[in-house]
Protein backbone atom coordinates (compact mmCIF):
# COMPACT_ATOMS: atom_id res chain seq x y z
CA MET A 1 -10.89 -6.81 -12.37
CA ARG A 2 -8.92 -5.16 -15.17
CA PRO A 3 -10.59 -3.70 -18.28
CA LEU A 4 -10.00 -6.61 -20.66
CA GLU A 5 -10.96 -9.10 -17.95
CA ILE A 6 -14.29 -7.30 -17.51
CA LEU A 7 -14.78 -7.14 -21.27
CA LEU A 8 -14.11 -10.87 -21.61
CA ALA A 9 -16.64 -11.75 -18.90
CA GLY A 10 -19.16 -9.41 -20.53
CA LEU A 11 -18.69 -11.01 -23.94
CA LEU A 12 -19.18 -14.48 -22.51
CA ALA A 13 -22.42 -13.32 -20.89
CA ALA A 14 -23.50 -11.79 -24.20
CA ILE A 15 -22.79 -15.07 -26.01
CA LEU A 16 -25.15 -16.86 -23.64
CA LEU A 17 -27.91 -14.26 -23.96
CA ALA A 18 -27.59 -13.41 -27.63
CA PRO A 19 -29.34 -16.50 -29.09
CA PHE A 20 -32.57 -15.45 -27.37
CA PHE A 21 -32.55 -11.87 -28.65
CA THR A 22 -30.49 -11.52 -31.84
CA ARG A 23 -30.02 -13.04 -35.26
CA ARG A 24 -27.69 -16.00 -35.77
CA ALA A 25 -25.25 -13.90 -37.85
CA ILE A 26 -24.60 -11.62 -34.89
CA VAL A 27 -24.40 -14.53 -32.45
CA ASN A 28 -21.71 -16.17 -34.55
CA ILE A 29 -19.45 -13.12 -34.30
CA LEU A 30 -19.25 -13.16 -30.49
CA PRO A 31 -17.21 -16.36 -29.80
CA PRO A 32 -14.27 -15.40 -32.05
CA LEU A 33 -14.44 -11.88 -30.62
CA ALA A 34 -14.19 -13.32 -27.08
CA LEU A 35 -11.22 -15.39 -28.20
CA ILE A 36 -9.51 -12.27 -29.58
CA VAL A 37 -10.16 -10.36 -26.34
CA ASN A 38 -8.75 -13.29 -24.34
CA ILE A 39 -5.55 -13.26 -26.40
CA ALA A 40 -5.31 -9.46 -26.09
CA HIS A 41 -5.75 -9.73 -22.32
CA LEU A 42 -2.94 -12.27 -22.05
CA TRP A 43 -0.70 -10.09 -24.21
CA LEU A 44 -1.48 -6.68 -22.70
CA GLU A 45 -2.58 -7.32 -19.12
CA GLY A 46 -0.84 -10.60 -18.38
CA TYR A 47 -1.83 -14.08 -17.27
CA ARG A 48 -2.96 -14.75 -13.72
CA TRP A 49 -4.17 -18.00 -12.27
CA GLN A 50 -7.48 -16.56 -11.04
CA MET A 51 -8.54 -16.22 -14.69
CA ILE A 52 -7.99 -19.90 -15.59
CA PRO A 53 -11.71 -20.80 -15.33
CA LEU A 54 -12.59 -17.90 -17.66
CA TYR A 55 -9.84 -18.93 -20.06
CA GLY A 56 -11.24 -22.46 -20.12
CA LEU A 57 -14.83 -21.26 -20.55
CA THR A 58 -13.79 -19.02 -23.43
CA ALA A 59 -12.02 -21.88 -25.16
CA ALA A 60 -14.96 -24.24 -24.65
CA ILE A 61 -17.54 -21.77 -25.96
CA ALA A 62 -15.32 -20.96 -28.93
CA ALA A 63 -14.83 -24.65 -29.72
CA ILE A 64 -18.57 -25.29 -29.61
CA ASN A 65 -19.61 -22.21 -31.56
CA LEU A 66 -16.86 -21.64 -34.12
CA PRO A 67 -18.00 -24.55 -36.35
CA THR A 68 -21.37 -22.82 -36.78
CA LEU A 69 -19.64 -20.14 -38.84
CA PHE A 70 -19.31 -22.69 -41.64
CA LYS A 71 -22.77 -24.27 -41.45
CA ALA A 72 -26.16 -23.15 -42.60
CA ASP A 73 -28.46 -21.73 -39.95
CA SER A 74 -30.91 -24.57 -40.37
CA ALA A 75 -28.25 -27.09 -39.47
CA ASN A 76 -27.48 -25.30 -36.26
CA GLU A 77 -30.94 -25.19 -34.77
CA ARG A 78 -31.41 -27.06 -31.53
CA PRO A 79 -34.54 -27.32 -29.40
CA ARG A 80 -35.15 -24.09 -27.51
CA GLY A 81 -35.39 -25.96 -24.21
CA TRP A 82 -31.98 -27.52 -24.78
CA ARG A 83 -30.47 -24.11 -25.46
CA ALA A 84 -32.09 -22.63 -22.37
CA ALA A 85 -30.81 -25.41 -20.11
CA ALA A 86 -27.32 -25.18 -21.59
CA SER A 87 -27.29 -21.39 -21.17
CA ILE A 88 -28.39 -21.59 -17.53
CA LEU A 89 -25.69 -24.13 -16.74
CA THR A 90 -23.07 -22.08 -18.55
CA PHE A 91 -24.22 -18.92 -16.77
CA ILE A 92 -23.63 -20.64 -13.44
CA LEU A 93 -20.15 -21.61 -14.59
CA LEU A 94 -19.55 -18.05 -15.80
CA ALA A 95 -20.64 -16.57 -12.45
CA VAL A 96 -18.33 -18.90 -10.54
CA SER A 97 -15.48 -18.28 -12.98
CA THR A 98 -15.87 -14.50 -12.71
CA ALA A 99 -16.11 -14.51 -8.92
CA LEU A 100 -12.54 -15.73 -8.47
CA PRO A 101 -10.75 -12.85 -10.28
CA ALA A 102 -13.28 -10.41 -8.81
CA MET A 103 -12.51 -11.56 -5.26
CA LEU A 104 -8.74 -11.50 -5.90
CA PRO A 105 -8.24 -8.49 -8.17
CA VAL A 106 -4.94 -7.00 -9.23
CA PRO A 107 -4.57 -4.16 -6.68
CA ARG A 108 -4.66 -0.67 -8.13
CA VAL A 109 -3.54 2.44 -6.27
CA ALA A 110 -5.56 5.43 -7.47
CA ASP A 111 -3.82 8.26 -9.28
CA PRO A 112 -2.77 11.06 -6.92
CA THR A 113 -4.57 14.41 -6.94
CA GLY A 114 -1.64 16.84 -6.79
CA PRO A 115 -0.22 18.95 -9.64
CA PHE A 116 2.91 16.81 -10.03
CA GLN A 117 3.38 13.41 -11.57
CA VAL A 118 5.37 11.07 -9.33
CA GLY A 119 8.62 9.17 -9.71
CA THR A 120 10.19 6.57 -7.47
CA ARG A 121 13.68 5.18 -6.86
CA SER A 122 15.12 2.65 -4.42
CA PHE A 123 18.49 2.61 -2.70
CA VAL A 124 20.51 0.23 -0.52
CA LEU A 125 21.87 1.92 2.60
CA THR A 126 24.67 0.53 4.77
CA ASP A 127 25.36 2.20 8.12
CA ALA A 128 28.87 1.21 9.19
CA SER A 129 28.40 2.95 12.55
CA ARG A 130 25.76 0.43 13.68
CA ARG A 131 25.92 -3.37 13.91
CA GLU A 132 23.05 -5.54 12.74
CA LEU A 133 21.11 -6.94 15.69
CA TYR A 134 19.10 -9.70 14.06
CA SER A 135 21.05 -11.36 11.25
CA GLY A 136 23.16 -13.59 13.50
CA ARG A 137 26.27 -12.22 11.78
CA ASP A 138 28.72 -9.50 12.78
CA GLU A 139 27.94 -7.02 10.02
CA PRO A 140 26.87 -3.41 9.60
CA ARG A 141 23.22 -2.43 9.50
CA LYS A 142 21.88 -2.62 5.94
CA PHE A 143 18.40 -1.68 4.76
CA MET A 144 16.49 -0.44 1.73
CA VAL A 145 14.76 2.88 1.22
CA GLN A 146 12.22 3.76 -1.44
CA VAL A 147 11.81 7.40 -2.41
CA TRP A 148 8.77 9.01 -4.07
CA TYR A 149 9.16 12.51 -5.50
CA PRO A 150 7.67 15.08 -7.90
CA ALA A 151 8.68 13.96 -11.38
CA SER A 152 8.70 14.87 -15.05
CA PRO A 153 8.54 11.40 -16.64
CA THR A 154 9.63 10.85 -20.22
CA ALA A 155 8.45 8.34 -22.80
CA ASP A 156 11.20 6.00 -21.58
CA ASN A 157 9.80 5.80 -18.05
CA PHE A 158 7.32 3.09 -17.10
CA HIS A 159 5.06 2.61 -14.11
CA ALA A 160 6.88 1.09 -11.16
CA PRO A 161 5.64 -2.13 -9.53
CA TRP A 162 3.34 -1.67 -6.57
CA VAL A 163 5.93 -3.45 -4.44
CA ASN A 164 9.50 -4.29 -5.40
CA GLY A 165 10.31 -8.00 -5.56
CA ALA A 166 6.65 -9.01 -5.68
CA ASP A 167 7.59 -12.56 -6.70
CA VAL A 168 9.16 -12.97 -3.25
CA PHE A 169 6.82 -10.66 -1.38
CA ALA A 170 3.58 -12.31 -2.59
CA PRO A 171 4.27 -15.73 -0.99
CA ALA A 172 5.39 -13.97 2.20
CA ILE A 173 2.15 -12.05 2.60
CA ALA A 174 0.18 -15.19 1.70
CA ASP A 175 1.98 -16.99 4.54
CA TYR A 176 1.14 -14.10 6.87
CA LEU A 177 -2.56 -14.40 5.96
CA ASN A 178 -2.49 -18.23 6.23
CA LEU A 179 -3.28 -18.59 2.52
CA PRO A 180 -1.68 -20.98 0.00
CA ARG A 181 1.68 -19.56 -1.08
CA PHE A 182 0.63 -19.18 -4.72
CA PHE A 183 -2.58 -17.37 -3.83
CA LEU A 184 -1.28 -13.82 -4.34
CA ASP A 185 1.09 -14.46 -7.24
CA HIS A 186 -0.88 -11.91 -9.27
CA LEU A 187 0.67 -9.13 -7.16
CA THR A 188 3.55 -9.22 -9.65
CA LEU A 189 1.11 -7.57 -12.09
CA ALA A 190 0.20 -4.67 -9.77
CA LYS A 191 1.53 -1.27 -10.79
CA SER A 192 2.03 2.00 -8.95
CA PRO A 193 0.97 5.40 -10.32
CA ALA A 194 4.63 6.39 -9.85
CA TYR A 195 7.12 6.16 -12.71
CA GLN A 196 10.29 4.14 -12.15
CA ASP A 197 13.45 6.31 -12.02
CA ALA A 198 11.70 9.27 -13.68
CA PRO A 199 13.58 12.60 -13.73
CA LEU A 200 12.89 14.93 -10.82
CA ALA A 201 10.56 17.85 -11.51
CA THR A 202 12.66 20.96 -10.96
CA GLU A 203 10.08 23.75 -11.30
CA THR A 204 9.54 24.39 -7.57
CA LYS A 205 12.50 22.79 -5.82
CA PRO A 206 13.77 22.58 -3.14
CA TYR A 207 11.15 20.23 -1.72
CA PRO A 208 10.45 19.46 1.94
CA VAL A 209 11.30 15.90 2.97
CA ILE A 210 8.99 13.44 4.72
CA VAL A 211 10.17 10.11 6.15
CA PHE A 212 7.81 7.16 6.63
CA SER A 213 8.30 4.16 8.94
CA HIS A 214 6.16 1.06 8.37
CA GLY A 215 4.73 -1.23 11.02
CA TRP A 216 5.94 -4.58 12.35
CA ASN A 217 5.77 -7.15 9.54
CA GLY A 218 5.04 -4.30 7.15
CA PHE A 219 7.01 -2.95 4.20
CA SER A 220 8.08 0.39 2.77
CA ALA A 221 5.29 0.51 0.15
CA GLN A 222 2.54 -0.66 2.52
CA SER A 223 0.94 2.81 2.40
CA SER A 224 1.95 3.79 -1.13
CA ALA A 225 -1.36 5.58 -1.77
CA GLN A 226 -0.23 8.11 0.84
CA MET A 227 3.33 8.26 -0.52
CA VAL A 228 2.31 9.10 -4.08
CA GLU A 229 -0.28 11.61 -2.87
CA LEU A 230 2.29 13.52 -0.82
CA ALA A 231 4.84 13.42 -3.65
CA SER A 232 2.24 14.75 -6.10
CA HIS A 233 1.84 17.78 -3.82
CA GLY A 234 5.52 18.66 -3.81
CA TYR A 235 7.19 16.47 -1.17
CA VAL A 236 10.09 14.04 -1.36
CA VAL A 237 8.94 11.01 0.65
CA VAL A 238 11.50 8.51 1.95
CA ALA A 239 10.26 5.15 3.29
CA SER A 240 12.61 2.77 5.07
CA GLN A 241 12.32 -1.00 4.72
CA HIS A 242 13.38 -2.02 8.23
CA THR A 243 15.33 -5.23 7.61
CA TYR A 244 14.26 -8.20 9.81
CA GLY A 245 11.30 -6.15 11.11
CA ALA A 246 9.70 -5.87 7.67
CA MET A 247 7.74 -8.81 6.28
CA VAL A 248 10.55 -9.45 3.81
CA THR A 249 13.39 -7.32 2.45
CA ILE A 250 14.77 -8.00 -1.02
CA PHE A 251 18.13 -6.49 -1.92
CA PRO A 252 19.18 -5.83 -5.53
CA ASP A 253 21.86 -8.55 -5.38
CA GLY A 254 19.18 -11.16 -4.67
CA GLU A 255 19.72 -11.40 -0.91
CA VAL A 256 16.44 -11.92 0.94
CA ALA A 257 15.95 -11.11 4.63
CA LEU A 258 12.75 -12.44 6.19
CA ASN A 259 11.03 -11.05 9.24
CA ASP A 260 12.66 -12.25 12.47
CA PRO A 261 9.83 -13.11 14.90
CA ASP A 262 12.30 -13.18 17.79
CA ALA A 263 12.90 -9.45 17.34
CA LEU A 264 9.42 -8.81 18.77
CA PRO A 265 8.42 -12.06 20.51
CA GLU A 266 4.71 -11.96 21.31
CA ASP A 267 4.88 -14.63 24.01
CA MET A 268 7.78 -13.10 25.96
CA PRO A 269 6.80 -12.05 29.51
CA GLU A 270 7.54 -8.58 30.83
CA PRO A 271 9.88 -6.83 31.19
CA GLY A 272 11.55 -8.83 28.41
CA TYR A 273 8.94 -7.92 25.78
CA THR A 274 9.22 -4.18 26.40
CA ASP A 275 13.01 -4.39 26.37
CA ALA A 276 12.93 -6.23 23.03
CA ALA A 277 10.44 -3.75 21.57
CA ARG A 278 12.57 -0.78 22.62
CA LEU A 279 15.70 -2.33 21.17
CA LEU A 280 13.84 -2.84 17.88
CA VAL A 281 12.42 0.69 17.71
CA ASP A 282 15.76 2.22 18.65
CA GLN A 283 17.16 0.47 15.58
CA TRP A 284 14.30 1.76 13.42
CA SER A 285 14.80 5.29 14.75
CA GLY A 286 18.44 4.91 13.72
CA ASP A 287 17.25 3.89 10.24
CA ILE A 288 15.21 7.10 9.99
CA SER A 289 18.25 9.11 11.06
CA PHE A 290 20.57 7.40 8.60
CA ALA A 291 18.04 7.74 5.77
CA LEU A 292 18.06 11.50 6.38
CA ASP A 293 21.87 11.51 6.44
CA PHE A 294 21.79 9.73 3.08
CA MET A 295 19.35 12.25 1.61
CA ALA A 296 21.57 15.08 2.85
CA GLU A 297 24.48 13.49 0.97
CA GLN A 298 22.29 13.16 -2.12
CA ASN A 299 21.45 16.84 -1.86
CA GLU A 300 25.15 17.70 -2.12
CA ASP A 301 26.22 15.07 -4.66
CA SER A 302 26.60 16.52 -8.15
CA SER A 303 25.77 13.12 -9.70
CA SER A 304 22.63 12.59 -7.60
CA PRO A 305 19.12 12.92 -9.06
CA PHE A 306 18.30 14.93 -5.92
CA ARG A 307 21.17 17.41 -6.23
CA ALA A 308 20.13 20.73 -4.59
CA ALA A 309 16.49 19.57 -4.62
CA LEU A 310 15.84 19.01 -0.91
CA ASP A 311 14.95 21.45 1.84
CA LEU A 312 16.30 19.63 4.87
CA THR A 313 15.25 22.40 7.23
CA ARG A 314 11.65 21.21 6.74
CA ILE A 315 11.38 17.53 7.67
CA GLY A 316 8.22 15.63 8.49
CA VAL A 317 8.16 12.12 9.94
CA PHE A 318 5.24 9.73 10.14
CA GLY A 319 4.70 6.07 10.79
CA HIS A 320 2.20 3.30 11.33
CA SER A 321 2.01 1.14 14.46
CA THR A 322 5.57 0.15 15.45
CA GLY A 323 6.71 2.68 12.87
CA GLY A 324 4.64 5.23 14.76
CA GLY A 325 6.66 4.35 17.85
CA ALA A 326 9.85 4.83 15.83
CA THR A 327 8.50 8.22 14.71
CA ILE A 328 7.97 9.31 18.33
CA GLN A 329 11.39 7.96 19.33
CA PHE A 330 13.14 9.78 16.49
CA CYS A 331 11.34 13.09 16.98
CA GLY A 332 11.99 12.88 20.71
CA THR A 333 15.75 12.56 20.18
CA ASP A 334 16.56 14.32 16.89
CA GLU A 335 15.96 18.02 16.33
CA ARG A 336 15.77 17.57 12.55
CA CYS A 337 12.14 16.50 13.01
CA THR A 338 9.97 19.55 12.26
CA ALA A 339 6.56 17.86 12.58
CA GLY A 340 5.26 14.34 13.10
CA LEU A 341 2.20 12.19 12.53
CA ALA A 342 1.40 8.76 13.93
CA GLN A 343 -1.18 6.21 12.78
CA ASP A 344 -2.23 3.61 15.36
CA LEU A 345 0.80 4.55 17.41
CA PHE A 346 2.45 1.67 19.31
CA MET A 347 3.73 3.37 22.49
CA THR A 348 5.35 0.43 24.31
CA PRO A 349 8.66 0.61 22.36
CA VAL A 350 9.16 4.33 23.02
CA SER A 351 11.98 4.83 25.52
CA GLU A 352 11.24 5.92 29.09
CA GLN A 353 13.23 9.10 28.52
CA VAL A 354 11.07 10.19 25.58
CA GLN A 355 7.86 9.15 27.34
CA GLU A 356 8.85 11.25 30.36
CA ARG A 357 10.21 14.23 28.42
CA GLY A 358 7.49 14.41 25.78
CA LEU A 359 7.76 16.17 22.42
CA LYS A 360 8.14 19.79 21.40
CA GLN A 361 7.19 19.38 17.74
CA PRO A 362 3.59 19.60 16.49
CA PHE A 363 2.04 16.14 16.18
CA LEU A 364 -1.14 14.72 14.68
CA PHE A 365 -2.44 11.33 15.85
CA PHE A 366 -4.89 9.10 14.01
CA PHE A 367 -6.19 5.86 15.49
CA SER A 368 -8.38 3.13 14.09
CA GLN A 369 -11.57 2.68 16.07
CA SER A 370 -10.63 -0.88 17.04
CA TRP A 371 -7.17 0.20 18.25
CA ARG A 372 -8.37 3.19 20.29
CA GLU A 373 -11.31 1.35 21.84
CA ALA A 374 -9.39 -1.80 22.79
CA THR A 375 -10.50 -2.75 26.31
CA GLY A 376 -7.75 -2.64 28.92
CA SER A 377 -5.17 -1.51 26.39
CA LYS A 378 -1.74 -0.82 27.87
CA ASN A 379 -0.97 1.11 24.71
CA ASN A 380 -3.87 3.51 25.33
CA ARG A 381 -2.83 4.00 28.97
CA LEU A 382 0.71 4.88 27.91
CA PHE A 383 -0.53 7.25 25.21
CA ASP A 384 -2.97 9.01 27.55
CA ALA A 385 -0.15 9.53 30.07
CA PHE A 386 2.07 10.84 27.27
CA LEU A 387 -0.41 13.42 25.95
CA PRO A 388 0.07 16.09 28.68
CA LYS A 389 3.79 16.13 27.86
CA LEU A 390 3.26 17.25 24.26
CA THR A 391 4.14 20.90 23.79
CA GLU A 392 2.25 21.41 20.52
CA PRO A 393 -0.31 18.67 19.86
CA VAL A 394 -2.32 19.43 16.73
CA GLY A 395 -5.04 16.83 17.00
CA ILE A 396 -6.06 13.34 18.10
CA ALA A 397 -8.81 11.46 16.27
CA ALA A 398 -10.19 7.95 15.96
CA ILE A 399 -11.60 7.06 12.55
CA LEU A 400 -14.92 5.28 12.94
CA GLY A 401 -15.41 1.94 11.23
CA THR A 402 -11.70 1.20 10.92
CA ARG A 403 -9.24 -1.48 11.93
CA HIS A 404 -5.45 -1.50 12.18
CA TYR A 405 -4.64 -2.20 8.52
CA ASP A 406 -7.05 0.38 7.13
CA PHE A 407 -4.07 2.76 7.28
CA THR A 408 -2.31 0.68 4.60
CA ASP A 409 -2.88 -0.43 1.00
CA LEU A 410 -3.67 -3.99 2.14
CA PRO A 411 -7.47 -3.58 1.93
CA LEU A 412 -6.92 -3.26 -1.84
CA LEU A 413 -5.99 -6.95 -1.96
CA SER A 414 -9.57 -8.20 -1.99
CA PRO A 415 -13.23 -7.36 -1.34
CA LEU A 416 -12.81 -10.11 1.26
CA ALA A 417 -10.33 -7.94 3.20
CA PRO A 418 -12.75 -7.61 6.17
CA GLN A 419 -12.96 -11.40 6.43
CA LEU A 420 -9.16 -11.58 6.31
CA GLY A 421 -8.90 -9.08 9.17
CA LEU A 422 -7.40 -6.40 6.93
CA LYS A 423 -10.08 -3.71 7.18
CA GLY A 424 -13.12 -2.49 9.03
CA PRO A 425 -16.56 -1.49 7.71
CA ILE A 426 -15.38 1.87 6.34
CA ASN A 427 -15.34 2.22 2.55
CA GLY A 428 -11.76 1.76 1.38
CA LYS A 429 -11.80 4.70 -1.05
CA ARG A 430 -13.26 6.93 1.64
CA MET A 431 -10.47 5.95 4.05
CA ILE A 432 -7.80 6.80 1.49
CA GLU A 433 -9.53 10.14 0.83
CA ILE A 434 -9.56 11.01 4.55
CA LEU A 435 -5.92 10.05 5.08
CA ASN A 436 -4.63 11.77 1.95
CA ASP A 437 -6.58 14.98 2.54
CA TYR A 438 -5.37 15.27 6.12
CA LEU A 439 -1.78 14.25 5.39
CA VAL A 440 -1.42 16.94 2.73
CA ALA A 441 -3.26 19.59 4.77
CA TYR A 442 -1.25 18.85 7.91
CA PHE A 443 2.20 18.77 6.33
CA ASP A 444 1.37 21.79 4.14
CA GLN A 445 0.59 23.68 7.34
CA GLU A 446 3.60 22.55 9.35
CA LEU A 447 6.26 22.34 6.61
CA LYS A 448 5.11 24.90 4.03
CA GLY A 449 3.29 27.39 6.22
CA ILE A 450 0.02 27.01 4.29
CA PRO A 451 -2.95 27.26 6.69
CA SER A 452 -4.87 24.00 6.77
CA PRO A 453 -8.27 24.09 5.06
CA LEU A 454 -9.30 21.23 7.35
CA PRO A 455 -9.92 21.61 11.09
CA PHE A 456 -8.09 19.38 13.52
CA ASP A 457 -10.90 19.31 16.06
CA ASP A 458 -14.13 19.30 14.03
CA SER A 459 -15.88 16.45 12.19
CA THR A 460 -18.12 18.55 9.94
CA ASN A 461 -16.28 17.68 6.74
CA TYR A 462 -15.53 14.11 7.77
CA PRO A 463 -18.12 12.69 10.18
CA GLU A 464 -16.04 9.49 10.39
CA LEU A 465 -13.50 11.39 12.50
CA ARG A 466 -14.06 11.42 16.26
CA TRP A 467 -11.76 14.13 17.61
CA GLU A 468 -10.60 14.03 21.21
CA ALA A 469 -10.15 17.01 23.49
CA ARG A 470 -6.56 18.20 23.60
């Protein structure tokens, strides 16, 4: 819950307790104060439907108690038993009313730990050299990218939304979780630590570039806690929104492209499924390539905010799930990839050529415990066969107590995330700490030449990590 929401709930609790412990004059102040806090909350933090019971309770308590401001104390006395019964009943209502916004909070990504503040911008990219595979129209490939970067925000810059187009995205993710479509409307209120369109920080440019590829039915900001952390440590991070593979893609002109389930049909028998998966990931690998081409153009464009700010000789690539497969595919076919990292890597879509040839770049692999320990997993068999073909593996670890979506921001949606299948038993803040610390340490080592303070084969600092022999 947000600060004024917590304050409002606290004031309502105080109103119920105060008659038993304080003088009437003090008790009479609390209802109008709660009303003022409610109005301030609506003005400063914004309305959300989860707060409706608390709004109603505030109004009811105010309506009952405000008249006592104009009456003598003697006229307001009621039997103590009546007051106790009314307070108990109201406390039950307050507990129920507070539970709803507590269970569905406005997600908040923690501030990054690096020396830089962070800015973010979004761009529409159109690759005329490739045709769109999934729109049903003969048209060039078009997708969005979101960029996070070290910034020097001014007073005119404001915090960016957690996810662009949240009014469209929120019903889509509710559908995905089999929830009522209005259930996550409050995501429009969620903000990122990054500042929208803030000026680039120029003190230490040029900056290495890192490209991120989301998972199937994911989105570019699905792991924004990791994006802002990397940017705060001096990286320009570019995340593609893979149109028709993402949950939903919203273009600035209002066009909306939903996920196409036929692009990765779960019920298709082999070899059709693998063929479809490889076609999809080949497209995503092309998106990574074109995003880097675009950033190279931005680096040369005198009107670009990234003019002469990018070191494109130092490029990291990482991805989650299907995006991890796209990362392997790209790094196996494009020499611009300096170092890679994969989270819950989906190996099936990686081409036979790359699986046979292996990789020459350093790579770090993180798996959720549920993903790595899946019984009879074809994905694990393919990965284990792939490992000996890696020239410079850095490390392979499973993170204990985790599930597939623990690598994303989605566990921030609710304390009920485990029941929704969005996280494992691991503490969410601890998971973000592990990922952020290792992401920065790894890319600092491979892209900046700074020796990692964290080992890639030892769990002393993080006992949740179960490293595998390389």
